[in-house]
Amino acid sequence: PPKIMEKVVQKMTNELRGCRKILDAGVGTGRFAKPLQS
């Protein structure tokens, strides 16, 4: 659900803070790569 996805991406953002270049291994449809790129 959109609100859950938003929370998940925010948690990922917090965990990835300080990282510049990230590999999404098994990117699939870009469900997580696209928001992180944005």
PDB file of all heavy atoms in Angstrom:
ATOM      1  N   PRO A   1       0.851  -1.197   0.000  1.00  0.00           N
ATOM      2  CA  PRO A   1       0.000   0.000   0.000  1.00  0.00           C
ATOM      3  C   PRO A   1       0.887   1.248   0.000  1.00  0.00           C
ATOM      4  O   PRO A   1       1.979   1.238   0.595  1.00  0.00           O
ATOM      5  CB  PRO A   1      -0.791  -0.117   1.300  1.00  0.00           C
ATOM      6  CG  PRO A   1      -0.761  -1.587   1.637  1.00  0.00           C
ATOM      7  CD  PRO A   1       0.560  -2.081   1.118  1.00  0.00           C
ATOM      8  N   PRO A   2       0.448   2.313  -0.669  1.00  0.00           N
ATOM      9  CA  PRO A   2       1.296   3.511  -0.818  1.00  0.00           C
ATOM     10  C   PRO A   2       1.897   4.040   0.487  1.00  0.00           C
ATOM     11  O   PRO A   2       3.080   4.382   0.520  1.00  0.00           O
ATOM     12  CB  PRO A   2       0.355   4.529  -1.450  1.00  0.00           C
ATOM     13  CG  PRO A   2      -0.649   3.701  -2.176  1.00  0.00           C
ATOM     14  CD  PRO A   2      -0.832   2.453  -1.361  1.00  0.00           C
ATOM     15  N   LYS A   3       1.139   4.095   1.558  1.00  0.00           N
ATOM     16  CA  LYS A   3       1.677   4.626   2.821  1.00  0.00           C
ATOM     17  C   LYS A   3       2.759   3.714   3.405  1.00  0.00           C
ATOM     18  O   LYS A   3       3.743   4.195   3.949  1.00  0.00           O
ATOM     19  CB  LYS A   3       0.555   4.848   3.831  1.00  0.00           C
ATOM     20  CG  LYS A   3      -0.316   6.020   3.478  1.00  0.00           C
ATOM     21  CD  LYS A   3      -1.310   6.325   4.557  1.00  0.00           C
ATOM     22  CE  LYS A   3      -2.144   7.523   4.107  1.00  0.00           C
ATOM     23  NZ  LYS A   3      -2.838   8.139   5.206  1.00  0.00           N
ATOM     24  N   ILE A   4       2.578   2.417   3.260  1.00  0.00           N
ATOM     25  CA  ILE A   4       3.585   1.464   3.735  1.00  0.00           C
ATOM     26  C   ILE A   4       4.836   1.574   2.878  1.00  0.00           C
ATOM     27  O   ILE A   4       5.955   1.594   3.385  1.00  0.00           O
ATOM     28  CB  ILE A   4       3.039   0.020   3.727  1.00  0.00           C
ATOM     29  CG1 ILE A   4       1.809  -0.113   4.609  1.00  0.00           C
ATOM     30  CG2 ILE A   4       4.127  -0.979   4.105  1.00  0.00           C
ATOM     31  CD1 ILE A   4       2.056   0.125   6.077  1.00  0.00           C
ATOM     32  N   MET A   5       4.652   1.659   1.563  1.00  0.00           N
ATOM     33  CA  MET A   5       5.791   1.795   0.655  1.00  0.00           C
ATOM     34  C   MET A   5       6.589   3.049   0.990  1.00  0.00           C
ATOM     35  O   MET A   5       7.822   3.029   1.015  1.00  0.00           O
ATOM     36  CB  MET A   5       5.302   1.824  -0.801  1.00  0.00           C
ATOM     37  CG  MET A   5       6.414   1.899  -1.815  1.00  0.00           C
ATOM     38  SD  MET A   5       7.425   0.412  -1.777  1.00  0.00           S
ATOM     39  CE  MET A   5       8.437   0.685  -3.202  1.00  0.00           C
ATOM     40  N   GLU A   6       5.897   4.130   1.258  1.00  0.00           N
ATOM     41  CA  GLU A   6       6.563   5.380   1.632  1.00  0.00           C
ATOM     42  C   GLU A   6       7.406   5.194   2.895  1.00  0.00           C
ATOM     43  O   GLU A   6       8.546   5.646   2.961  1.00  0.00           O
ATOM     44  CB  GLU A   6       5.496   6.456   1.856  1.00  0.00           C
ATOM     45  CG  GLU A   6       6.047   7.845   2.057  1.00  0.00           C
ATOM     46  CD  GLU A   6       4.922   8.862   2.191  1.00  0.00           C
ATOM     47  OE1 GLU A   6       3.985   8.840   1.377  1.00  0.00           O
ATOM     48  OE2 GLU A   6       5.013   9.690   3.138  1.00  0.00           O
ATOM     49  N   LYS A   7       6.879   4.486   3.874  1.00  0.00           N
ATOM     50  CA  LYS A   7       7.618   4.229   5.113  1.00  0.00           C
ATOM     51  C   LYS A   7       8.829   3.332   4.863  1.00  0.00           C
ATOM     52  O   LYS A   7       9.900   3.559   5.419  1.00  0.00           O
ATOM     53  CB  LYS A   7       6.702   3.603   6.159  1.00  0.00           C
ATOM     54  CG  LYS A   7       5.707   4.572   6.743  1.00  0.00           C
ATOM     55  CD  LYS A   7       4.845   3.906   7.793  1.00  0.00           C
ATOM     56  CE  LYS A   7       3.842   4.910   8.346  1.00  0.00           C
ATOM     57  NZ  LYS A   7       3.007   4.319   9.399  1.00  0.00           N
ATOM     58  N   VAL A   8       8.642   2.319   4.025  1.00  0.00           N
ATOM     59  CA  VAL A   8       9.748   1.408   3.708  1.00  0.00           C
ATOM     60  C   VAL A   8      10.878   2.168   3.013  1.00  0.00           C
ATOM     61  O   VAL A   8      12.053   2.021   3.368  1.00  0.00           O
ATOM     62  CB  VAL A   8       9.259   0.224   2.839  1.00  0.00           C
ATOM     63  CG1 VAL A   8      10.433  -0.573   2.294  1.00  0.00           C
ATOM     64  CG2 VAL A   8       8.324  -0.677   3.629  1.00  0.00           C
ATOM     65  N   VAL A   9      10.523   2.995   2.038  1.00  0.00           N
ATOM     66  CA  VAL A   9      11.542   3.768   1.315  1.00  0.00           C
ATOM     67  C   VAL A   9      12.231   4.743   2.269  1.00  0.00           C
ATOM     68  O   VAL A   9      13.452   4.927   2.196  1.00  0.00           O
ATOM     69  CB  VAL A   9      10.925   4.488   0.088  1.00  0.00           C
ATOM     70  CG1 VAL A   9      11.921   5.462  -0.522  1.00  0.00           C
ATOM     71  CG2 VAL A   9      10.474   3.465  -0.950  1.00  0.00           C
ATOM     72  N   GLN A  10      11.490   5.327   3.194  1.00  0.00           N
ATOM     73  CA  GLN A  10      12.106   6.239   4.170  1.00  0.00           C
ATOM     74  C   GLN A  10      13.100   5.488   5.058  1.00  0.00           C
ATOM     75  O   GLN A  10      14.199   5.973   5.313  1.00  0.00           O
ATOM     76  CB  GLN A  10      11.036   6.919   5.031  1.00  0.00           C
ATOM     77  CG  GLN A  10      11.609   7.911   6.021  1.00  0.00           C
ATOM     78  CD  GLN A  10      12.432   9.007   5.365  1.00  0.00           C
ATOM     79  OE1 GLN A  10      11.985   9.626   4.421  1.00  0.00           O
ATOM     80  NE2 GLN A  10      13.642   9.230   5.844  1.00  0.00           N
ATOM     81  N   LYS A  11      12.738   4.294   5.492  1.00  0.00           N
ATOM     82  CA  LYS A  11      13.657   3.483   6.309  1.00  0.00           C
ATOM     83  C   LYS A  11      14.902   3.115   5.506  1.00  0.00           C
ATOM     84  O   LYS A  11      16.023   3.167   6.025  1.00  0.00           O
ATOM     85  CB  LYS A  11      12.967   2.208   6.801  1.00  0.00           C
ATOM     86  CG  LYS A  11      11.883   2.436   7.795  1.00  0.00           C
ATOM     87  CD  LYS A  11      12.456   2.689   9.149  1.00  0.00           C
ATOM     88  CE  LYS A  11      11.326   2.744  10.169  1.00  0.00           C
ATOM     89  NZ  LYS A  11      11.791   3.116  11.480  1.00  0.00           N
ATOM     90  N   MET A  12      14.702   2.759   4.237  1.00  0.00           N
ATOM     91  CA  MET A  12      15.844   2.442   3.385  1.00  0.00           C
ATOM     92  C   MET A  12      16.743   3.659   3.225  1.00  0.00           C
ATOM     93  O   MET A  12      17.976   3.540   3.273  1.00  0.00           O
ATOM     94  CB  MET A  12      15.362   1.952   2.013  1.00  0.00           C
ATOM     95  CG  MET A  12      14.682   0.611   2.047  1.00  0.00           C
ATOM     96  SD  MET A  12      13.998   0.142   0.453  1.00  0.00           S
ATOM     97  CE  MET A  12      15.501  -0.252  -0.440  1.00  0.00           C
ATOM     98  N   THR A  13      16.137   4.814   3.045  1.00  0.00           N
ATOM     99  CA  THR A  13      16.894   6.056   2.899  1.00  0.00           C
ATOM    100  C   THR A  13      17.751   6.303   4.129  1.00  0.00           C
ATOM    101  O   THR A  13      18.924   6.668   4.024  1.00  0.00           O
ATOM    102  CB  THR A  13      15.938   7.242   2.661  1.00  0.00           C
ATOM    103  OG1 THR A  13      15.184   6.989   1.477  1.00  0.00           O
ATOM    104  CG2 THR A  13      16.683   8.550   2.511  1.00  0.00           C
ATOM    105  N   ASN A  14      17.187   6.074   5.292  1.00  0.00           N
ATOM    106  CA  ASN A  14      17.945   6.251   6.540  1.00  0.00           C
ATOM    107  C   ASN A  14      19.123   5.283   6.616  1.00  0.00           C
ATOM    108  O   ASN A  14      20.221   5.660   7.008  1.00  0.00           O
ATOM    109  CB  ASN A  14      17.027   6.060   7.754  1.00  0.00           C
ATOM    110  CG  ASN A  14      16.001   7.167   7.883  1.00  0.00           C
ATOM    111  OD1 ASN A  14      16.138   8.248   7.320  1.00  0.00           O
ATOM    112  ND2 ASN A  14      14.936   6.877   8.606  1.00  0.00           N
ATOM    113  N   GLU A  15      18.877   4.033   6.237  1.00  0.00           N
ATOM    114  CA  GLU A  15      19.935   3.016   6.277  1.00  0.00           C
ATOM    115  C   GLU A  15      21.035   3.291   5.254  1.00  0.00           C
ATOM    116  O   GLU A  15      22.191   2.979   5.481  1.00  0.00           O
ATOM    117  CB  GLU A  15      19.350   1.621   6.041  1.00  0.00           C
ATOM    118  CG  GLU A  15      18.518   1.105   7.176  1.00  0.00           C
ATOM    119  CD  GLU A  15      19.305   0.890   8.455  1.00  0.00           C
ATOM    120  OE1 GLU A  15      20.462   0.405   8.387  1.00  0.00           O
ATOM    121  OE2 GLU A  15      18.775   1.224   9.531  1.00  0.00           O
ATOM    122  N   LEU A  16      20.654   3.847   4.118  1.00  0.00           N
ATOM    123  CA  LEU A  16      21.608   4.072   3.025  1.00  0.00           C
ATOM    124  C   LEU A  16      22.269   5.444   3.082  1.00  0.00           C
ATOM    125  O   LEU A  16      23.087   5.764   2.217  1.00  0.00           O
ATOM    126  CB  LEU A  16      20.902   3.883   1.678  1.00  0.00           C
ATOM    127  CG  LEU A  16      20.411   2.460   1.404  1.00  0.00           C
ATOM    128  CD1 LEU A  16      19.486   2.434   0.195  1.00  0.00           C
ATOM    129  CD2 LEU A  16      21.590   1.511   1.218  1.00  0.00           C
ATOM    130  N   ARG A  17      21.928   6.222   4.067  1.00  0.00           N
ATOM    131  CA  ARG A  17      22.535   7.550   4.214  1.00  0.00           C
ATOM    132  C   ARG A  17      24.056   7.418   4.202  1.00  0.00           C
ATOM    133  O   ARG A  17      24.624   6.544   4.828  1.00  0.00           O
ATOM    134  CB  ARG A  17      22.081   8.182   5.530  1.00  0.00           C
ATOM    135  CG  ARG A  17      22.597   9.590   5.698  1.00  0.00           C
ATOM    136  CD  ARG A  17      21.890  10.291   6.814  1.00  0.00           C
ATOM    137  NE  ARG A  17      20.488  10.398   6.398  1.00  0.00           N
ATOM    138  CZ  ARG A  17      19.453  10.214   7.190  1.00  0.00           C
ATOM    139  NH1 ARG A  17      19.628   9.934   8.443  1.00  0.00           N
ATOM    140  NH2 ARG A  17      18.229  10.305   6.741  1.00  0.00           N
ATOM    141  N   GLY A  18      24.686   8.240   3.420  1.00  0.00           N
ATOM    142  CA  GLY A  18      26.140   8.190   3.286  1.00  0.00           C
ATOM    143  C   GLY A  18      26.604   7.328   2.115  1.00  0.00           C
ATOM    144  O   GLY A  18      27.772   7.344   1.772  1.00  0.00           O
ATOM    145  N   CYS A  19      25.690   6.582   1.549  1.00  0.00           N
ATOM    146  CA  CYS A  19      26.025   5.761   0.377  1.00  0.00           C
ATOM    147  C   CYS A  19      25.698   6.548  -0.883  1.00  0.00           C
ATOM    148  O   CYS A  19      24.640   7.158  -0.977  1.00  0.00           O
ATOM    149  CB  CYS A  19      25.212   4.466   0.374  1.00  0.00           C
ATOM    150  SG  CYS A  19      25.560   3.406   1.782  1.00  0.00           S
ATOM    151  N   ARG A  20      26.608   6.544  -1.820  1.00  0.00           N
ATOM    152  CA  ARG A  20      26.383   7.260  -3.068  1.00  0.00           C
ATOM    153  C   ARG A  20      25.919   6.309  -4.159  1.00  0.00           C
ATOM    154  O   ARG A  20      24.922   6.530  -4.814  1.00  0.00           O
ATOM    155  CB  ARG A  20      27.665   7.989  -3.489  1.00  0.00           C
ATOM    156  CG  ARG A  20      27.496   8.902  -4.688  1.00  0.00           C
ATOM    157  CD  ARG A  20      28.791   9.599  -5.066  1.00  0.00           C
ATOM    158  NE  ARG A  20      29.804   8.691  -5.575  1.00  0.00           N
ATOM    159  CZ  ARG A  20      29.814   8.164  -6.800  1.00  0.00           C
ATOM    160  NH1 ARG A  20      28.872   8.453  -7.651  1.00  0.00           N
ATOM    161  NH2 ARG A  20      30.781   7.368  -7.177  1.00  0.00           N
ATOM    162  N   LYS A  21      26.633   5.225  -4.326  1.00  0.00           N
ATOM    163  CA  LYS A  21      26.378   4.298  -5.432  1.00  0.00           C
ATOM    164  C   LYS A  21      25.856   2.974  -4.867  1.00  0.00           C
ATOM    165  O   LYS A  21      26.528   2.338  -4.052  1.00  0.00           O
ATOM    166  CB  LYS A  21      27.662   4.081  -6.227  1.00  0.00           C
ATOM    167  CG  LYS A  21      27.459   3.471  -7.574  1.00  0.00           C
ATOM    168  CD  LYS A  21      28.775   3.521  -8.353  1.00  0.00           C
ATOM    169  CE  LYS A  21      28.613   2.978  -9.753  1.00  0.00           C
ATOM    170  NZ  LYS A  21      29.873   2.986 -10.488  1.00  0.00           N
ATOM    171  N   ILE A  22      24.659   2.560  -5.322  1.00  0.00           N
ATOM    172  CA  ILE A  22      23.993   1.389  -4.777  1.00  0.00           C
ATOM    173  C   ILE A  22      23.664   0.412  -5.899  1.00  0.00           C
ATOM    174  O   ILE A  22      23.131   0.805  -6.935  1.00  0.00           O
ATOM    175  CB  ILE A  22      22.693   1.807  -4.053  1.00  0.00           C
ATOM    176  CG1 ILE A  22      23.024   2.792  -2.924  1.00  0.00           C
ATOM    177  CG2 ILE A  22      21.940   0.584  -3.531  1.00  0.00           C
ATOM    178  CD1 ILE A  22      21.833   3.545  -2.402  1.00  0.00           C
ATOM    179  N   LEU A  23      23.942  -0.851  -5.670  1.00  0.00           N
ATOM    180  CA  LEU A  23      23.551  -1.914  -6.592  1.00  0.00           C
ATOM    181  C   LEU A  23      22.219  -2.474  -6.129  1.00  0.00           C
ATOM    182  O   LEU A  23      22.067  -2.846  -4.967  1.00  0.00           O
ATOM    183  CB  LEU A  23      24.598  -3.031  -6.603  1.00  0.00           C
ATOM    184  CG  LEU A  23      24.209  -4.293  -7.377  1.00  0.00           C
ATOM    185  CD1 LEU A  23      24.090  -3.997  -8.876  1.00  0.00           C
ATOM    186  CD2 LEU A  23      25.212  -5.409  -7.119  1.00  0.00           C
ATOM    187  N   ASP A  24      21.244  -2.529  -7.032  1.00  0.00           N
ATOM    188  CA  ASP A  24      19.982  -3.222  -6.763  1.00  0.00           C
ATOM    189  C   ASP A  24      20.034  -4.525  -7.544  1.00  0.00           C
ATOM    190  O   ASP A  24      19.782  -4.563  -8.746  1.00  0.00           O
ATOM    191  CB  ASP A  24      18.779  -2.370  -7.178  1.00  0.00           C
ATOM    192  CG  ASP A  24      17.448  -2.975  -6.742  1.00  0.00           C
ATOM    193  OD1 ASP A  24      17.411  -4.176  -6.422  1.00  0.00           O
ATOM    194  OD2 ASP A  24      16.437  -2.243  -6.738  1.00  0.00           O
ATOM    195  N   ALA A  25      20.419  -5.592  -6.859  1.00  0.00           N
ATOM    196  CA  ALA A  25      20.596  -6.908  -7.476  1.00  0.00           C
ATOM    197  C   ALA A  25      19.242  -7.604  -7.539  1.00  0.00           C
ATOM    198  O   ALA A  25      18.682  -7.977  -6.517  1.00  0.00           O
ATOM    199  CB  ALA A  25      21.583  -7.733  -6.668  1.00  0.00           C
ATOM    200  N   GLY A  26      18.721  -7.743  -8.738  1.00  0.00           N
ATOM    201  CA  GLY A  26      17.365  -8.257  -8.918  1.00  0.00           C
ATOM    202  C   GLY A  26      16.381  -7.107  -8.863  1.00  0.00           C
ATOM    203  O   GLY A  26      15.378  -7.155  -8.177  1.00  0.00           O
ATOM    204  N   VAL A  27      16.679  -6.055  -9.606  1.00  0.00           N
ATOM    205  CA  VAL A  27      15.903  -4.808  -9.574  1.00  0.00           C
ATOM    206  C   VAL A  27      14.440  -5.003  -9.953  1.00  0.00           C
ATOM    207  O   VAL A  27      13.585  -4.243  -9.544  1.00  0.00           O
ATOM    208  CB  VAL A  27      16.570  -3.727 -10.464  1.00  0.00           C
ATOM    209  CG1 VAL A  27      16.499  -4.107 -11.930  1.00  0.00           C
ATOM    210  CG2 VAL A  27      15.966  -2.358 -10.228  1.00  0.00           C
ATOM    211  N   GLY A  28      14.155  -6.040 -10.734  1.00  0.00           N
ATOM    212  CA  GLY A  28      12.765  -6.288 -11.119  1.00  0.00           C
ATOM    213  C   GLY A  28      12.150  -5.116 -11.854  1.00  0.00           C
ATOM    214  O   GLY A  28      12.722  -4.582 -12.798  1.00  0.00           O
ATOM    215  N   THR A  29      10.998  -4.693 -11.387  1.00  0.00           N
ATOM    216  CA  THR A  29      10.257  -3.609 -12.039  1.00  0.00           C
ATOM    217  C   THR A  29      10.692  -2.234 -11.549  1.00  0.00           C
ATOM    218  O   THR A  29      10.073  -1.243 -11.912  1.00  0.00           O
ATOM    219  CB  THR A  29       8.747  -3.772 -11.816  1.00  0.00           C
ATOM    220  OG1 THR A  29       8.462  -3.650 -10.418  1.00  0.00           O
ATOM    221  CG2 THR A  29       8.242  -5.108 -12.344  1.00  0.00           C
ATOM    222  N   GLY A  30      11.723  -2.190 -10.735  1.00  0.00           N
ATOM    223  CA  GLY A  30      12.209  -0.903 -10.242  1.00  0.00           C
ATOM    224  C   GLY A  30      11.426  -0.360  -9.062  1.00  0.00           C
ATOM    225  O   GLY A  30      11.519   0.823  -8.743  1.00  0.00           O
ATOM    226  N   ARG A  31      10.677  -1.209  -8.381  1.00  0.00           N
ATOM    227  CA  ARG A  31       9.825  -0.748  -7.281  1.00  0.00           C
ATOM    228  C   ARG A  31      10.592  -0.008  -6.197  1.00  0.00           C
ATOM    229  O   ARG A  31      10.050   0.888  -5.569  1.00  0.00           O
ATOM    230  CB  ARG A  31       9.072  -1.917  -6.639  1.00  0.00           C
ATOM    231  CG  ARG A  31       8.032  -2.500  -7.535  1.00  0.00           C
ATOM    232  CD  ARG A  31       7.176  -3.561  -6.863  1.00  0.00           C
ATOM    233  NE  ARG A  31       7.941  -4.513  -6.088  1.00  0.00           N
ATOM    234  CZ  ARG A  31       7.582  -4.940  -4.883  1.00  0.00           C
ATOM    235  NH1 ARG A  31       6.481  -4.499  -4.311  1.00  0.00           N
ATOM    236  NH2 ARG A  31       8.311  -5.823  -4.248  1.00  0.00           N
ATOM    237  N   PHE A  32      11.827  -0.362  -5.968  1.00  0.00           N
ATOM    238  CA  PHE A  32      12.621   0.326  -4.947  1.00  0.00           C
ATOM    239  C   PHE A  32      13.699   1.201  -5.573  1.00  0.00           C
ATOM    240  O   PHE A  32      14.034   2.251  -5.031  1.00  0.00           O
ATOM    241  CB  PHE A  32      13.224  -0.691  -3.978  1.00  0.00           C
ATOM    242  CG  PHE A  32      12.169  -1.400  -3.183  1.00  0.00           C
ATOM    243  CD1 PHE A  32      11.669  -2.621  -3.595  1.00  0.00           C
ATOM    244  CD2 PHE A  32      11.636  -0.820  -2.040  1.00  0.00           C
ATOM    245  CE1 PHE A  32      10.662  -3.259  -2.880  1.00  0.00           C
ATOM    246  CE2 PHE A  32      10.628  -1.448  -1.318  1.00  0.00           C
ATOM    247  CZ  PHE A  32      10.139  -2.670  -1.744  1.00  0.00           C
ATOM    248  N   ALA A  33      14.241   0.796  -6.709  1.00  0.00           N
ATOM    249  CA  ALA A  33      15.284   1.589  -7.363  1.00  0.00           C
ATOM    250  C   ALA A  33      14.760   2.957  -7.785  1.00  0.00           C
ATOM    251  O   ALA A  33      15.430   3.972  -7.574  1.00  0.00           O
ATOM    252  CB  ALA A  33      15.841   0.845  -8.573  1.00  0.00           C
ATOM    253  N   LYS A  34      13.592   2.989  -8.390  1.00  0.00           N
ATOM    254  CA  LYS A  34      13.044   4.256  -8.890  1.00  0.00           C
ATOM    255  C   LYS A  34      12.838   5.275  -7.760  1.00  0.00           C
ATOM    256  O   LYS A  34      13.293   6.419  -7.873  1.00  0.00           O
ATOM    257  CB  LYS A  34      11.742   4.001  -9.667  1.00  0.00           C
ATOM    258  CG  LYS A  34      11.064   5.268 -10.145  1.00  0.00           C
ATOM    259  CD  LYS A  34      11.951   6.079 -11.066  1.00  0.00           C
ATOM    260  CE  LYS A  34      11.218   7.315 -11.554  1.00  0.00           C
ATOM    261  NZ  LYS A  34      12.094   8.286 -12.181  1.00  0.00           N
ATOM    262  N   PRO A  35      12.173   4.918  -6.646  1.00  0.00           N
ATOM    263  CA  PRO A  35      12.036   5.899  -5.568  1.00  0.00           C
ATOM    264  C   PRO A  35      13.379   6.360  -5.003  1.00  0.00           C
ATOM    265  O   PRO A  35      13.553   7.542  -4.693  1.00  0.00           O
ATOM    266  CB  PRO A  35      11.214   5.179  -4.502  1.00  0.00           C
ATOM    267  CG  PRO A  35      10.542   4.068  -5.195  1.00  0.00           C
ATOM    268  CD  PRO A  35      11.414   3.704  -6.366  1.00  0.00           C
ATOM    269  N   LEU A  36      14.326   5.425  -4.885  1.00  0.00           N
ATOM    270  CA  LEU A  36      15.642   5.814  -4.372  1.00  0.00           C
ATOM    271  C   LEU A  36      16.360   6.738  -5.348  1.00  0.00           C
ATOM    272  O   LEU A  36      17.004   7.706  -4.926  1.00  0.00           O
ATOM    273  CB  LEU A  36      16.483   4.566  -4.071  1.00  0.00           C
ATOM    274  CG  LEU A  36      16.023   3.736  -2.876  1.00  0.00           C
ATOM    275  CD1 LEU A  36      16.804   2.424  -2.804  1.00  0.00           C
ATOM    276  CD2 LEU A  36      16.147   4.512  -1.570  1.00  0.00           C
ATOM    277  N   GLN A  37      16.237   6.467  -6.639  1.00  0.00           N
ATOM    278  CA  GLN A  37      16.813   7.362  -7.647  1.00  0.00           C
ATOM    279  C   GLN A  37      16.169   8.747  -7.551  1.00  0.00           C
ATOM    280  O   GLN A  37      16.864   9.765  -7.632  1.00  0.00           O
ATOM    281  CB  GLN A  37      16.636   6.790  -9.052  1.00  0.00           C
ATOM    282  CG  GLN A  37      17.519   5.608  -9.334  1.00  0.00           C
ATOM    283  CD  GLN A  37      17.244   4.962 -10.688  1.00  0.00           C
ATOM    284  OE1 GLN A  37      16.264   5.256 -11.361  1.00  0.00           O
ATOM    285  NE2 GLN A  37      18.122   4.051 -11.092  1.00  0.00           N
ATOM    286  N   SER A  38      14.884   8.784  -7.343  1.00  0.00           N
ATOM    287  CA  SER A  38      14.174  10.067  -7.232  1.00  0.00           C
ATOM    288  C   SER A  38      14.626  10.863  -6.017  1.00  0.00           C
ATOM    289  O   SER A  38      14.521  12.090  -5.998  1.00  0.00           O
ATOM    290  CB  SER A  38      12.659   9.830  -7.151  1.00  0.00           C
ATOM    291  OG  SER A  38      12.194   9.251  -8.349  1.00  0.00           O
TER     292      SER A  38
END
